[in-house]
Amino acid sequence: MEYVFAPAPIVAVPIAESVDTASARASFPVRRIYCVGRNYAAHAREMGHDPEREPPFFFAKPADAVLYVAPGTTAQFPYPSRTRDVHHEMELVVAIGRGGRDIAADQALDHVYGYALGLDMTRRDLQAEAKKMGRPWDVGKGFDHSAPLGPIHPVSRVGHIQSGAIWLQVNGIEKQRADVSQLIWSTAETIAYLSTLFALQPGDLIFTGTPEGVGAVARGDLMKGAVAGLGELNVRVV
């Protein structure tokens, strides 16, 4: 097949078990990125919403929003244009390895390939403006490099991450801390609900929500985040 220009390269994230092995080059090809909004009660309250357990809602980022962060390195996050209020949101990310539609919650974890660390970077001022005008959140959430992401850790190595500390520091000062068990909608419930809206496919990523303590970052700031069992993520704003 001929194209009028070269197709964009496939966005792929290395598998954690292969990142330090020269002979192993396995990577996870990213298809779509789904994000769950307000999935920790304390974060819902800090954003001015009632944390009552209502049906989850979702927004999306393009696959090429991924900014890969290799273990032991510090990635550079370019401060985005048209904003003066960029916020960090530390999240547990689920990598789907087996697709499906209308997946039962008690079978949902069977569809998970692995887990990763992720940041849902947000142009908060543009998001707030969009909310006020009843417009989509794309410009606030789906901009270039808005999804810093560590390697994918296979379930076969780390099991299912259903509890454990999730935290983020900025310049060594802790800003966010919670436990994954405090998710309003668990990973299994989120997958089950999302699969009623979209046919999930291998390569899909799900950002599961962020704890309270989100806040603005500036050029020069160093963000360090973690989820127990998945290592750490280091990103500097430039």
Protein backbone atom coordinates (compact mmCIF):
# COMPACT_ATOMS: atom_id res chain seq x y z
CA MET A 1 0.00 0.00 0.00
CA GLU A 2 1.21 3.48 -0.82
CA TYR A 3 0.71 6.49 1.41
CA VAL A 4 0.92 10.19 0.58
CA PHE A 5 3.43 10.49 3.44
CA ALA A 6 5.06 8.07 5.89
CA PRO A 7 2.66 6.80 8.58
CA ALA A 8 3.37 7.84 12.14
CA PRO A 9 5.43 5.29 14.10
CA ILE A 10 3.65 3.01 16.54
CA VAL A 11 3.80 4.34 20.10
CA ALA A 12 5.27 1.57 22.25
CA VAL A 13 6.32 1.35 25.90
CA PRO A 14 9.03 -1.10 27.01
CA ILE A 15 8.14 -4.04 29.23
CA ALA A 16 9.84 -3.69 32.61
CA GLU A 17 11.35 -7.17 32.58
CA SER A 18 13.16 -6.40 29.33
CA VAL A 19 14.41 -2.83 29.83
CA ASP A 20 17.71 -3.96 31.34
CA THR A 21 18.24 -6.92 29.00
CA ALA A 22 20.04 -6.07 25.78
CA SER A 23 18.71 -9.15 24.01
CA ALA A 24 15.10 -8.57 25.04
CA ARG A 25 13.34 -5.78 23.17
CA ALA A 26 9.70 -6.50 24.01
CA SER A 27 7.43 -3.44 24.05
CA PHE A 28 3.75 -2.77 24.64
CA PRO A 29 2.11 -1.09 21.61
CA VAL A 30 -0.27 1.63 22.78
CA ARG A 31 -3.68 1.78 21.09
CA ARG A 32 -5.84 4.16 23.14
CA ILE A 33 -5.50 5.97 26.46
CA TYR A 34 -8.60 6.18 28.66
CA CYS A 35 -8.59 8.17 31.91
CA VAL A 36 -11.01 7.95 34.84
CA GLY A 37 -12.05 11.25 36.37
CA ARG A 38 -12.29 11.90 40.13
CA ASN A 39 -11.74 8.33 41.31
CA TYR A 40 -10.44 9.13 44.82
CA ALA A 41 -12.96 10.67 47.23
CA ALA A 42 -10.55 13.24 48.69
CA HIS A 43 -9.57 14.41 45.20
CA ALA A 44 -13.24 14.74 44.23
CA ARG A 45 -13.76 16.97 47.27
CA GLU A 46 -10.71 19.13 46.53
CA MET A 47 -12.08 19.68 43.02
CA GLY A 48 -15.40 20.83 44.49
CA HIS A 49 -17.45 17.68 43.88
CA ASP A 50 -19.40 15.27 46.06
CA PRO A 51 -17.47 11.96 46.24
CA GLU A 52 -20.72 9.98 46.26
CA ARG A 53 -20.23 6.73 44.33
CA GLU A 54 -21.79 7.70 41.02
CA PRO A 55 -21.06 5.97 37.69
CA PRO A 56 -17.48 6.63 36.57
CA PHE A 57 -16.77 9.02 33.73
CA PHE A 58 -13.91 9.01 31.29
CA PHE A 59 -11.86 11.24 29.04
CA ALA A 60 -9.10 10.31 26.60
CA LYS A 61 -5.59 11.22 25.55
CA PRO A 62 -4.05 10.39 22.17
CA ALA A 63 -1.53 7.55 22.16
CA ASP A 64 1.25 9.90 21.08
CA ALA A 65 0.79 11.92 24.27
CA VAL A 66 2.98 9.27 25.95
CA LEU A 67 6.31 10.56 27.25
CA TYR A 68 8.28 7.45 28.16
CA VAL A 69 10.30 7.60 31.38
CA ALA A 70 12.98 4.92 31.58
CA PRO A 71 13.85 3.55 35.06
CA GLY A 72 16.73 5.39 36.70
CA THR A 73 16.42 8.38 34.35
CA THR A 74 14.71 11.75 34.52
CA ALA A 75 12.49 12.56 31.56
CA GLN A 76 11.96 16.13 30.42
CA PHE A 77 8.39 17.42 30.26
CA PRO A 78 8.18 20.55 28.08
CA TYR A 79 5.97 23.19 29.70
CA PRO A 80 3.01 23.36 27.29
CA SER A 81 1.78 26.40 25.39
CA ARG A 82 -1.30 28.56 26.06
CA THR A 83 -1.36 27.91 29.80
CA ARG A 84 -0.09 29.31 33.08
CA ASP A 85 -1.43 26.56 35.33
CA VAL A 86 -0.10 23.05 34.60
CA HIS A 87 -0.97 20.46 37.26
CA HIS A 88 0.50 17.07 38.18
CA GLU A 89 -1.78 14.07 38.75
CA MET A 90 -0.03 10.85 39.81
CA GLU A 91 -1.82 7.65 38.75
CA LEU A 92 -1.73 3.87 38.59
CA VAL A 93 -2.02 2.85 34.94
CA VAL A 94 -3.57 -0.42 33.76
CA ALA A 95 -2.36 -2.03 30.52
CA ILE A 96 -4.96 -4.17 28.73
CA GLY A 97 -3.65 -7.37 27.18
CA ARG A 98 -6.91 -9.05 26.16
CA GLY A 99 -9.84 -7.20 24.68
CA GLY A 100 -13.55 -7.56 25.20
CA ARG A 101 -16.94 -5.90 25.46
CA ASP A 102 -19.36 -6.04 28.40
CA ILE A 103 -16.72 -7.68 30.58
CA ALA A 104 -17.94 -8.97 33.95
CA ALA A 105 -16.21 -7.38 36.93
CA ASP A 106 -15.24 -10.77 38.36
CA GLN A 107 -13.42 -11.56 35.10
CA ALA A 108 -12.00 -8.10 34.38
CA LEU A 109 -8.53 -8.65 35.87
CA ASP A 110 -8.03 -11.54 33.44
CA HIS A 111 -7.83 -8.86 30.72
CA VAL A 112 -4.93 -6.99 32.39
CA TYR A 113 -1.44 -7.48 30.96
CA GLY A 114 0.29 -5.29 33.51
CA TYR A 115 0.60 -2.02 35.40
CA ALA A 116 2.65 1.15 35.11
CA LEU A 117 3.28 4.52 36.72
CA GLY A 118 1.75 7.50 34.96
CA LEU A 119 1.23 11.23 35.23
CA ASP A 120 -1.93 12.83 33.89
CA MET A 121 -0.53 16.29 33.22
CA THR A 122 -3.30 18.87 32.96
CA ARG A 123 -3.58 22.44 31.67
CA ARG A 124 -5.91 23.27 34.56
CA ASP A 125 -6.81 26.77 33.42
CA LEU A 126 -7.86 25.53 29.97
CA GLN A 127 -9.76 22.63 31.52
CA ALA A 128 -11.59 25.01 33.88
CA GLU A 129 -12.51 27.27 30.97
CA ALA A 130 -13.83 24.29 29.02
CA LYS A 131 -15.92 23.15 32.01
CA LYS A 132 -17.40 26.60 32.42
CA MET A 133 -18.41 26.72 28.76
CA GLY A 134 -19.63 23.13 28.61
CA ARG A 135 -16.94 22.15 26.12
CA PRO A 136 -14.79 18.99 25.87
CA TRP A 137 -11.61 18.72 27.91
CA ASP A 138 -9.27 17.85 25.02
CA VAL A 139 -7.12 20.98 25.16
CA GLY A 140 -6.75 20.64 28.93
CA LYS A 141 -5.89 16.94 28.96
CA GLY A 142 -4.78 15.66 25.55
CA PHE A 143 -1.84 17.89 24.64
CA ASP A 144 1.65 16.78 23.57
CA HIS A 145 3.66 14.90 26.26
CA SER A 146 0.69 15.00 28.66
CA ALA A 147 1.06 11.33 29.64
CA PRO A 148 4.50 10.63 31.16
CA LEU A 149 4.64 6.85 31.59
CA GLY A 150 7.05 4.33 33.07
CA PRO A 151 7.61 0.79 31.76
CA ILE A 152 4.83 -1.79 31.83
CA HIS A 153 5.21 -4.32 34.66
CA PRO A 154 3.58 -7.63 33.68
CA VAL A 155 1.08 -9.21 36.06
CA SER A 156 3.21 -12.34 35.89
CA ARG A 157 5.91 -10.43 37.79
CA VAL A 158 4.05 -8.02 40.09
CA GLY A 159 0.60 -9.56 40.48
CA HIS A 160 -2.47 -7.36 40.54
CA ILE A 161 -1.94 -3.96 42.18
CA GLN A 162 -5.05 -3.60 44.35
CA SER A 163 -3.47 -1.89 47.37
CA GLY A 164 -0.28 -0.06 48.25
CA ALA A 165 0.94 3.51 48.57
CA ILE A 166 0.68 5.95 45.69
CA TRP A 167 2.53 9.24 46.12
CA LEU A 168 4.16 12.17 44.38
CA GLN A 169 6.80 14.70 45.43
CA VAL A 170 7.70 18.01 43.81
CA ASN A 171 11.26 19.15 44.54
CA GLY A 172 11.41 16.68 47.43
CA ILE A 173 8.20 17.94 49.06
CA GLU A 174 5.35 15.46 49.23
CA LYS A 175 2.22 16.69 47.46
CA GLN A 176 0.11 13.56 46.94
CA ARG A 177 -0.28 10.39 49.00
CA ALA A 178 -3.00 7.76 49.22
CA ASP A 179 -3.47 4.01 48.90
CA VAL A 180 -4.62 2.31 45.70
CA SER A 181 -7.25 0.50 47.80
CA GLN A 182 -8.98 3.89 48.20
CA LEU A 183 -10.06 4.03 44.55
CA ILE A 184 -13.79 4.69 44.41
CA TRP A 185 -14.04 2.35 41.42
CA SER A 186 -11.55 -0.51 41.58
CA THR A 187 -9.51 -1.55 38.58
CA ALA A 188 -11.88 -4.47 37.91
CA GLU A 189 -14.98 -2.30 38.19
CA THR A 190 -13.46 0.37 35.97
CA ILE A 191 -12.59 -2.14 33.24
CA ALA A 192 -16.07 -3.68 33.42
CA TYR A 193 -17.83 -0.30 33.14
CA LEU A 194 -15.52 1.04 30.42
CA SER A 195 -16.13 -2.10 28.36
CA THR A 196 -19.83 -1.25 28.20
CA LEU A 197 -18.91 2.01 26.44
CA PHE A 198 -16.07 0.82 24.18
CA ALA A 199 -14.82 -2.51 22.93
CA LEU A 200 -11.51 -2.73 24.76
CA GLN A 201 -8.53 -4.00 22.78
CA PRO A 202 -4.99 -5.15 23.57
CA GLY A 203 -2.82 -2.06 23.80
CA ASP A 204 -5.35 0.10 25.62
CA LEU A 205 -4.13 1.97 28.71
CA ILE A 206 -6.38 3.09 31.57
CA PHE A 207 -5.26 5.87 33.92
CA THR A 208 -7.22 4.97 37.06
CA GLY A 209 -7.44 8.35 38.80
CA THR A 210 -5.34 10.58 41.04
CA PRO A 211 -5.31 11.18 44.82
CA GLU A 212 -5.81 14.56 46.44
CA GLY A 213 -3.02 17.13 46.45
CA VAL A 214 -2.88 18.01 42.77
CA GLY A 215 -1.17 21.29 42.10
CA ALA A 216 0.75 23.49 39.72
CA VAL A 217 4.32 22.94 38.56
CA ALA A 218 6.80 25.37 37.04
CA ARG A 219 9.84 25.11 34.80
CA GLY A 220 12.69 23.52 36.68
CA ASP A 221 10.50 21.51 39.06
CA LEU A 222 11.35 17.84 39.58
CA MET A 223 8.39 15.48 40.00
CA LYS A 224 9.00 12.07 41.57
CA GLY A 225 6.14 9.63 41.92
CA ALA A 226 5.57 6.00 42.77
CA VAL A 227 3.13 3.19 43.37
CA ALA A 228 4.28 0.44 45.72
CA GLY A 229 5.78 -2.41 43.72
CA LEU A 230 6.29 -0.45 40.50
CA GLY A 231 9.39 1.59 41.21
CA GLU A 232 9.59 5.37 40.78
CA LEU A 233 8.97 7.89 38.01
CA ASN A 234 11.15 11.01 37.67
CA VAL A 235 10.11 13.91 35.42
CA ARG A 236 11.51 17.44 35.24
CA VAL A 237 9.53 20.36 33.87
CA VAL A 238 11.54 22.27 31.26
